[in-house]
Protein backbone atom coordinates (compact mmCIF):
# COMPACT_ATOMS: atom_id res chain seq x y z
CA GLY A 1 47.20 -8.39 -135.42
CA GLY A 2 43.55 -8.59 -136.32
CA LEU A 3 42.57 -5.40 -134.51
CA THR A 4 45.32 -3.45 -136.25
CA VAL A 5 44.12 -4.68 -139.65
CA LEU A 6 40.53 -3.72 -138.80
CA ALA A 7 41.68 -0.31 -137.59
CA ASP A 8 43.69 0.25 -140.78
CA ARG A 9 40.69 -0.73 -142.91
CA ALA A 10 38.40 1.54 -140.94
CA ILE A 11 40.80 4.48 -141.36
CA ALA A 12 41.17 3.75 -145.07
CA GLY A 13 37.38 3.53 -145.45
CA ALA A 14 36.85 6.81 -143.60
CA ALA A 15 39.50 8.49 -145.75
CA ALA A 16 37.83 7.21 -148.93
CA ILE A 17 34.43 8.51 -147.82
CA TYR A 18 36.00 11.84 -146.91
CA ASP A 19 37.66 12.12 -150.35
CA LEU A 20 34.39 11.30 -152.12
CA ALA A 21 32.57 13.91 -150.06
CA LYS A 22 35.22 16.55 -150.82
CA SER A 23 34.87 15.84 -154.55
CA ALA A 24 31.09 16.11 -154.29
CA GLN A 25 31.34 19.43 -152.46
CA ALA A 26 33.73 20.78 -155.13
CA PHE A 27 31.26 19.62 -157.79
CA GLU A 28 28.38 21.42 -156.07
CA THR A 29 30.42 24.65 -155.99
CA LEU A 30 31.27 24.22 -159.67
CA LYS A 31 27.65 23.53 -160.57
CA SER A 32 26.52 26.62 -158.67
CA SER A 33 28.87 28.76 -160.79
CA PHE A 34 27.54 27.04 -163.91
CA ASN A 35 23.94 27.79 -162.93
CA ASP A 36 24.84 31.45 -162.30
CA LEU A 37 26.62 31.79 -165.67
CA ALA A 38 23.72 30.14 -167.48
CA ALA A 39 21.20 32.38 -165.71
CA SER A 40 23.18 35.50 -166.67
CA ALA A 41 22.87 34.35 -170.29
CA GLY A 42 19.11 33.89 -169.86
CA GLU A 43 19.38 30.11 -169.82
CA SER A 44 18.53 27.35 -167.33
CA GLY A 45 21.57 25.47 -166.02
CA ASP A 46 19.55 22.27 -165.64
CA VAL A 47 18.22 22.49 -169.21
CA MET A 48 21.68 23.24 -170.59
CA LEU A 49 23.30 20.36 -168.68
CA GLY A 50 20.57 17.98 -169.82
CA ALA A 51 21.10 19.03 -173.43
CA LEU A 52 24.86 18.56 -173.11
CA ARG A 53 24.41 15.09 -171.65
CA GLY A 54 22.27 14.18 -174.64
CA ALA A 55 24.64 15.72 -177.17
CA SER A 56 27.61 13.89 -175.61
CA GLN A 57 25.70 10.59 -175.72
CA GLY A 58 26.80 10.01 -172.14
CA MET A 59 30.49 9.95 -173.09
CA ILE A 60 31.48 12.95 -170.94
CA ALA A 61 31.09 13.12 -167.16
CA ASP A 62 28.91 15.91 -165.76
CA GLN A 63 31.86 17.63 -164.11
CA ASP A 64 33.79 17.79 -167.40
CA LEU A 65 30.71 19.04 -169.25
CA ILE A 66 30.22 21.81 -166.71
CA LEU A 67 33.91 22.80 -166.72
CA ALA A 68 33.95 23.15 -170.51
CA ALA A 69 30.59 24.94 -170.56
CA ASN A 70 31.76 27.40 -167.88
CA ARG A 71 34.88 28.13 -169.92
CA ALA A 72 32.80 28.56 -173.08
CA MET A 73 30.52 31.10 -171.39
CA MET A 74 33.34 32.95 -169.63
CA LEU A 75 35.39 33.20 -172.85
CA GLY A 76 32.36 34.36 -174.82
CA VAL A 77 32.43 31.34 -177.14
CA ALA A 78 28.85 30.20 -176.54
CA ASN A 79 26.03 31.62 -174.47
CA SER A 80 23.07 29.45 -175.40
CA THR A 81 22.07 25.82 -175.06
CA GLN A 82 21.86 25.49 -178.85
CA GLN A 83 25.40 26.81 -179.36
CA MET A 84 26.73 24.52 -176.62
CA GLU A 85 25.10 21.51 -178.28
CA GLN A 86 26.58 22.48 -181.65
CA LEU A 87 30.05 22.86 -180.12
CA LEU A 88 29.80 19.46 -178.46
CA GLN A 89 28.58 17.72 -181.60
CA ILE A 90 31.42 19.26 -183.62
CA ALA A 91 33.96 18.30 -180.96
CA THR A 92 32.71 14.72 -180.75
CA VAL A 93 32.83 13.98 -184.47
CA ARG A 94 36.14 15.78 -185.01
CA GLY A 95 37.66 14.25 -181.89
CA LYS A 96 36.90 10.77 -183.15
CA ALA A 97 38.50 11.58 -186.52
CA MET A 98 41.64 12.89 -184.80
CA GLY A 99 41.87 10.11 -182.18
CA LEU A 100 40.81 12.33 -179.26
CA SER A 101 38.29 11.57 -176.53
CA ALA A 102 35.04 13.54 -176.59
CA THR A 103 36.14 15.25 -173.36
CA ASP A 104 39.51 16.39 -174.72
CA ALA A 105 38.01 17.44 -178.05
CA PHE A 106 35.33 19.55 -176.34
CA ASN A 107 37.96 21.25 -174.19
CA ASP A 108 40.22 21.90 -177.21
CA LEU A 109 37.39 23.33 -179.28
CA VAL A 110 36.24 25.69 -176.53
CA THR A 111 39.80 26.80 -175.77
CA GLY A 112 40.71 27.18 -179.45
CA LEU A 113 37.69 29.37 -180.15
CA GLY A 114 38.03 31.29 -176.89
CA ARG A 115 41.67 32.14 -177.53
CA MET A 116 41.12 32.37 -181.30
CA SER A 117 44.03 29.98 -181.67
CA PRO A 118 44.52 28.35 -185.11
CA LEU A 119 47.10 25.98 -183.56
CA ILE A 120 44.64 24.54 -181.03
CA LEU A 121 41.87 24.28 -183.63
CA ASP A 122 44.32 22.54 -185.96
CA ASN A 123 44.44 19.67 -183.41
CA LEU A 124 40.84 19.00 -184.44
CA GLY A 125 41.56 19.22 -188.16
CA ILE A 126 40.02 22.68 -188.41
CA VAL A 127 41.67 25.07 -190.88
CA THR A 128 40.26 28.54 -190.23
CA GLY A 129 41.85 30.25 -193.23
CA GLY A 130 43.59 32.97 -191.27
CA GLU A 131 42.34 36.55 -191.48
CA LYS A 132 40.08 35.76 -194.44
CA VAL A 133 37.46 34.33 -192.09
CA PHE A 134 37.21 37.73 -190.36
CA ASP A 135 37.23 39.64 -193.64
CA ASP A 136 34.36 37.54 -194.99
CA TYR A 137 32.32 37.91 -191.80
CA ALA A 138 32.88 41.66 -191.71
CA LYS A 139 31.78 41.98 -195.36
CA SER A 140 28.58 40.11 -194.53
CA LEU A 141 27.89 42.85 -191.97
CA GLY A 142 28.86 45.61 -194.37
CA ARG A 143 31.92 46.50 -192.32
CA THR A 144 35.69 46.06 -192.23
CA ALA A 145 37.58 43.35 -190.34
CA ALA A 146 39.38 46.00 -188.32
CA SER A 147 36.06 47.19 -186.89
CA LEU A 148 35.07 43.77 -185.53
CA THR A 149 34.89 43.43 -181.76
CA ASP A 150 36.48 40.51 -179.94
CA ALA A 151 33.03 38.91 -179.53
CA GLU A 152 32.30 39.32 -183.27
CA ARG A 153 35.63 37.74 -184.23
CA LYS A 154 34.77 34.73 -182.04
CA GLN A 155 31.35 34.56 -183.70
CA ALA A 156 33.05 34.57 -187.11
CA LEU A 157 35.24 31.65 -186.03
CA PHE A 158 32.26 29.81 -184.55
CA ASN A 159 30.35 30.17 -187.84
CA LYS A 160 33.37 28.97 -189.83
CA VAL A 161 33.91 25.91 -187.63
CA LEU A 162 30.19 25.07 -187.83
CA SER A 163 30.03 25.35 -191.62
CA GLU A 164 33.24 23.31 -192.03
CA SER A 165 31.88 20.54 -189.79
CA LYS A 166 28.29 20.13 -191.04
CA SER A 167 29.15 17.46 -193.59
CA MET A 168 31.04 15.45 -190.95
CA MET A 169 28.06 15.55 -188.57
CA ALA A 170 25.50 14.55 -191.20
CA GLY A 171 25.98 10.82 -190.67
CA GLY A 172 25.93 11.03 -186.88
CA ILE A 173 28.47 9.30 -184.68
CA ALA A 174 28.43 6.02 -182.79
CA ALA A 175 28.91 6.34 -179.04
CA ASN A 176 31.98 4.78 -177.43
CA PRO A 177 30.76 2.36 -174.73
CA PHE A 178 34.05 2.58 -172.82
CA ALA A 179 33.81 6.38 -172.65
CA GLN A 180 30.18 6.03 -171.53
CA LEU A 181 31.21 3.67 -168.73
CA ASP A 182 34.00 6.00 -167.58
CA ALA A 183 31.58 8.93 -167.50
CA SER A 184 28.95 6.92 -165.64
CA MET A 185 31.46 5.84 -163.00
CA ALA A 186 32.65 9.44 -162.53
CA ASN A 187 29.04 10.59 -162.11
CA LEU A 188 28.37 7.73 -159.67
CA LYS A 189 31.32 8.77 -157.50
CA ILE A 190 29.84 12.26 -157.21
CA LYS A 191 26.44 10.81 -156.25
CA VAL A 192 28.01 8.62 -153.56
CA GLY A 193 29.99 11.61 -152.32
CA GLU A 194 26.82 13.69 -152.05
CA LEU A 195 25.30 11.01 -149.82
CA ALA A 196 28.45 10.97 -147.68
CA LEU A 197 28.67 14.76 -147.33
CA PRO A 198 26.81 15.08 -143.98
CA LEU A 199 28.82 12.27 -142.36
CA ALA A 200 32.11 13.56 -143.74
CA GLY A 201 31.28 17.07 -142.55
CA GLU A 202 30.80 15.81 -139.00
CA PHE A 203 34.03 13.80 -139.25
CA ALA A 204 35.94 16.86 -140.48
CA GLN A 205 34.58 19.00 -137.63
CA ILE A 206 35.52 16.43 -134.96
CA ALA A 207 38.98 15.93 -136.50
CA ASN A 208 39.49 19.69 -136.65
CA GLU A 209 38.56 20.09 -132.98
CA ALA A 210 40.89 17.22 -132.03
CA ALA A 211 43.72 18.77 -134.01
CA GLY A 212 43.10 22.07 -132.23
CA GLU A 213 43.27 20.38 -128.82
CA LEU A 214 46.53 18.64 -129.74
CA SER A 215 47.97 21.92 -130.91
CA HIS A 216 47.18 23.54 -127.54
CA ILE A 217 48.81 20.60 -125.73
CA PHE A 218 52.02 20.95 -127.76
CA ASP A 219 52.03 24.72 -127.24
CA ALA A 220 51.77 24.17 -123.51
């Protein structure tokens, strides 16, 4: 009766703490990769994350910001704090116009630029103009479009998206309080998980040893 209920609650509570701790550990690993990528670009991970938090107006959880920023750096879309902020501002204002969350819009923009995909960018109402955007950029460099490197073609797209979005960003954008709350709760879960990490680590070690002992018993 009562003892069984208490035991069930205790097990459920321990499992919840363990899950939070696992999420926090995964976040720390992700953040470490982010810091390394930022450092390789001559930037500070902490400064970049702080700037992204500000640019997102608190509407995107830290983990989602870092995931998108990692993808942007790995795909060669953006390598500076300023470029990241510009991407996020563009994504936020265009996402709102297209009925997308700031998180989804940021992911789409990074992926669309990284893969040079007109279809993905079209989801954000961005018309790149096909090959003309590369021809124009090449002419500005005194070269031909065929001579552009992959990185230069991405830069041409980045410039086009920025110029096409400046008028939309001029009036600013009101933050969505529901998105802010969701992001805050996601960040809070990570913070709680970080506090639970030592306890969960001990629990995992004890459980692992117990499982090993049981395995030996069954083998015998």
